[in-house]
Protein backbone atom coordinates (compact mmCIF):
# COMPACT_ATOMS: atom_id res chain seq x y z
CA MET A 1 0.00 0.00 0.00
CA GLU A 2 1.52 3.31 -1.11
CA VAL A 3 0.78 6.57 0.66
CA SER A 4 0.63 9.71 -1.48
CA ASN A 5 1.52 13.18 -0.19
CA LYS A 6 -0.12 14.99 -3.10
CA GLY A 7 -2.95 16.20 -0.90
CA LYS A 8 -0.57 17.81 1.61
CA PHE A 9 1.94 19.41 -0.72
CA GLN A 10 0.44 21.42 -3.54
CA MET A 11 2.43 23.73 -5.77
CA ARG A 12 1.21 27.30 -5.92
CA ASP A 13 1.57 29.57 -8.90
CA ASP A 14 2.22 33.03 -7.40
CA LYS A 15 3.59 34.62 -10.57
CA VAL A 16 1.88 37.65 -12.07
CA GLN A 17 2.62 39.58 -15.21
CA CYS A 18 4.27 42.99 -14.84
CA GLN A 19 2.28 45.67 -16.65
CA CYS A 20 5.47 47.65 -17.38
CA CYS A 21 7.98 45.12 -18.75
CA GLY A 22 5.60 42.22 -19.51
CA LYS A 23 7.65 39.55 -17.68
CA TRP A 24 6.12 36.99 -15.33
CA MET A 25 7.45 37.49 -11.82
CA VAL A 26 6.86 37.33 -8.08
CA PRO A 27 6.68 40.89 -6.65
CA ARG A 28 9.39 41.77 -4.13
CA PRO A 29 8.39 43.67 -0.97
CA ILE A 30 9.90 47.03 0.00
CA PHE A 31 10.32 47.49 3.75
CA SER A 32 10.33 50.75 5.68
CA ARG A 33 13.63 51.80 7.20
CA GLY A 34 14.24 52.18 10.87
CA VAL A 35 16.57 54.39 12.85
CA TRP A 36 19.73 52.86 14.32
CA SER A 37 20.38 53.89 17.92
CA ASN A 38 23.22 52.35 19.98
CA GLY A 39 23.28 49.21 17.84
CA TRP A 40 19.51 48.67 17.92
CA ARG A 41 17.04 49.33 15.15
CA VAL A 42 14.08 51.39 16.28
CA GLY A 43 10.95 51.17 14.12
CA GLY A 44 10.88 50.13 10.48
CA GLY A 45 10.51 46.67 9.04
CA ARG A 46 6.94 47.23 7.84
CA VAL A 47 6.07 46.36 4.23
CA ILE A 48 5.26 49.63 2.45
CA SER A 49 5.10 48.56 -1.21
CA SER A 50 6.25 45.96 -3.73
CA ILE A 51 8.30 46.13 -6.92
CA CYS A 52 8.97 44.10 -10.05
CA PRO A 53 12.42 42.48 -9.66
CA PHE A 54 13.18 42.99 -13.37
CA CYS A 55 12.26 46.61 -14.12
CA LEU A 56 12.18 47.78 -10.45
CA ASP A 57 8.90 49.63 -10.99
CA GLU A 58 6.32 50.00 -8.22
CA ASP A 59 3.46 50.26 -10.72
CA TRP A 60 3.88 46.64 -11.87
CA ASP A 61 0.14 45.94 -11.47
CA GLY A 62 -1.05 49.04 -13.32
CA VAL A 63 -2.70 50.58 -10.23
CA GLU A 64 -1.87 54.24 -9.66
CA ARG A 65 -0.99 54.87 -6.02
CA VAL A 66 -0.83 58.05 -3.97
CA HIS A 67 2.60 58.26 -2.37
CA ARG A 68 2.57 59.97 0.99
CA GLY A 69 5.83 61.83 1.11
CA VAL A 70 7.39 64.51 3.23
CA LEU A 71 4.93 67.16 2.05
CA PHE A 72 1.93 65.09 3.19
CA LYS A 73 3.49 64.49 6.61
CA THR A 74 4.39 68.18 7.01
CA VAL A 75 0.85 69.30 6.16
CA ALA A 76 -0.61 66.68 8.52
CA LEU A 77 1.67 67.89 11.33
CA ALA A 78 0.72 71.55 10.72
CA ILE A 79 -3.00 70.72 10.77
CA SER A 80 -2.68 68.67 13.96
CA VAL A 81 -0.75 71.47 15.71
CA PHE A 82 -3.36 74.01 14.58
CA LEU A 83 -6.21 71.83 15.85
CA GLY A 84 -4.34 71.32 19.10
CA TYR A 85 -4.29 75.07 19.75
CA VAL A 86 -7.99 75.44 18.84
């Protein structure tokens, strides 16, 4: 009597096609950076986006994203300080 492990171990096909370069790939995650203090990393390590490993483009799936940069954070800080005084 032979026991088969096909039910336990199934192959998954996680590849998607990049909308920019047209290659089939597995997206690579981009992690946020932390701050090093006395040999320890403080914060960071959170997945913030993913890229195509071939063309290194974040818009590999064709979805347009709003990137929250320094300007967004500065405006948010100014509004929160203003509301704090009110």
